[in-house]
Amino acid sequence: MVTFTSTLTDTENKAMEWCALSAKDWIDNALHNRARIAMEDIVAINVAHCNANGIAIGVGITAQVEQAYNLGIVTTAAARNAATPPT
């Protein structure tokens, strides 16, 4: 499990209190929802790759995300960014 800590200025917090019931709940929801979308994308990439190459697909989302990384068909955004030559 990974824990993240965010810091807001007083003004940023006041702004968040205006648009959300709780800044923490909003942040948690945004983070969890973005992770869910990324997992769906990774699973789709993994399923397509495994089907095209006759590879048994891992059981469950966690296994499929790990499989995609282990097969090297997905990498971190940082690794993709580092591999992209500057323009």
Protein backbone atom coordinates (compact mmCIF):
# COMPACT_ATOMS: atom_id res chain seq x y z
CA MET A 1 0.00 0.00 0.00
CA VAL A 2 1.26 3.47 -0.88
CA THR A 3 0.33 6.63 1.02
CA PHE A 4 0.43 10.09 -0.52
CA THR A 5 0.38 13.40 1.30
CA SER A 6 -0.79 16.64 -0.28
CA THR A 7 -0.41 20.13 1.07
CA LEU A 8 -2.72 23.01 0.19
CA THR A 9 -2.27 26.67 1.00
CA ASP A 10 -5.01 28.18 3.13
CA THR A 11 -6.40 29.82 0.01
CA GLU A 12 -6.38 26.56 -1.96
CA ASN A 13 -8.14 24.84 0.94
CA LYS A 14 -10.79 27.56 1.07
CA ALA A 15 -11.32 27.13 -2.66
CA MET A 16 -11.70 23.37 -2.23
CA GLU A 17 -14.16 23.90 0.62
CA TRP A 18 -16.22 25.98 -1.80
CA CYS A 19 -16.42 23.28 -4.48
CA ALA A 20 -16.29 20.05 -2.44
CA LEU A 21 -17.61 18.79 0.87
CA SER A 22 -14.11 17.63 1.77
CA ALA A 23 -10.81 18.22 -0.02
CA LYS A 24 -9.55 14.86 1.25
CA ASP A 25 -12.61 13.01 -0.07
CA TRP A 26 -12.31 14.81 -3.41
CA ILE A 27 -8.62 13.94 -3.69
CA ASP A 28 -9.23 10.31 -2.69
CA ASN A 29 -12.05 10.00 -5.22
CA ALA A 30 -10.01 11.56 -8.02
CA LEU A 31 -7.01 9.34 -7.32
CA HIS A 32 -9.01 6.12 -7.01
CA ASN A 33 -11.06 6.87 -10.12
CA ARG A 34 -7.98 7.66 -12.22
CA ALA A 35 -6.33 4.45 -11.01
CA ARG A 36 -9.49 2.51 -11.96
CA ILE A 37 -9.41 3.96 -15.47
CA ALA A 38 -5.71 3.12 -15.84
CA MET A 39 -6.32 -0.45 -14.65
CA GLU A 40 -9.11 -0.85 -17.22
CA ASP A 41 -6.75 0.41 -19.94
CA ILE A 42 -3.93 -1.91 -18.85
CA VAL A 43 -6.27 -4.93 -18.66
CA ALA A 44 -7.52 -4.20 -22.19
CA ILE A 45 -3.93 -3.97 -23.49
CA ASN A 46 -3.00 -7.17 -21.66
CA VAL A 47 -6.03 -9.13 -22.91
CA ALA A 48 -5.43 -8.04 -26.51
CA HIS A 49 -1.73 -8.95 -26.31
CA CYS A 50 -2.34 -12.31 -24.65
CA ASN A 51 -5.09 -13.26 -27.09
CA ALA A 52 -2.96 -12.28 -30.08
CA ASN A 53 0.00 -14.28 -28.78
CA GLY A 54 -1.69 -17.35 -27.26
CA ILE A 55 -0.71 -16.43 -23.70
CA ALA A 56 -2.89 -17.50 -20.76
CA ILE A 57 -4.40 -14.42 -19.15
CA GLY A 58 -3.91 -13.85 -15.44
CA VAL A 59 -6.98 -14.23 -13.24
CA GLY A 60 -8.24 -10.96 -11.80
CA ILE A 61 -7.34 -7.33 -12.31
CA THR A 62 -4.31 -7.35 -10.01
CA ALA A 63 -2.84 -10.39 -11.78
CA GLN A 64 -3.49 -8.90 -15.21
CA VAL A 65 -1.88 -5.55 -14.35
CA GLU A 66 1.17 -7.40 -12.98
CA GLN A 67 1.22 -9.63 -16.07
CA ALA A 68 1.19 -6.64 -18.41
CA TYR A 69 4.18 -5.12 -16.60
CA ASN A 70 6.01 -8.46 -16.45
CA LEU A 71 5.48 -9.03 -20.19
CA GLY A 72 6.81 -5.52 -20.84
CA ILE A 73 3.72 -4.47 -22.79
CA VAL A 74 3.14 -1.56 -20.41
CA THR A 75 5.66 0.60 -18.59
CA THR A 76 5.46 3.54 -16.22
CA ALA A 77 4.81 7.02 -17.53
CA ALA A 78 8.25 7.99 -16.21
CA ALA A 79 9.91 5.22 -18.27
CA ARG A 80 7.94 6.18 -21.39
CA ASN A 81 8.88 9.83 -20.89
CA ALA A 82 12.57 8.97 -20.43
CA ALA A 83 12.50 6.90 -23.64
CA THR A 84 11.04 9.73 -25.68
CA PRO A 85 13.73 11.87 -27.27
CA PRO A 86 13.39 15.59 -26.58
CA THR A 87 12.00 17.66 -29.42
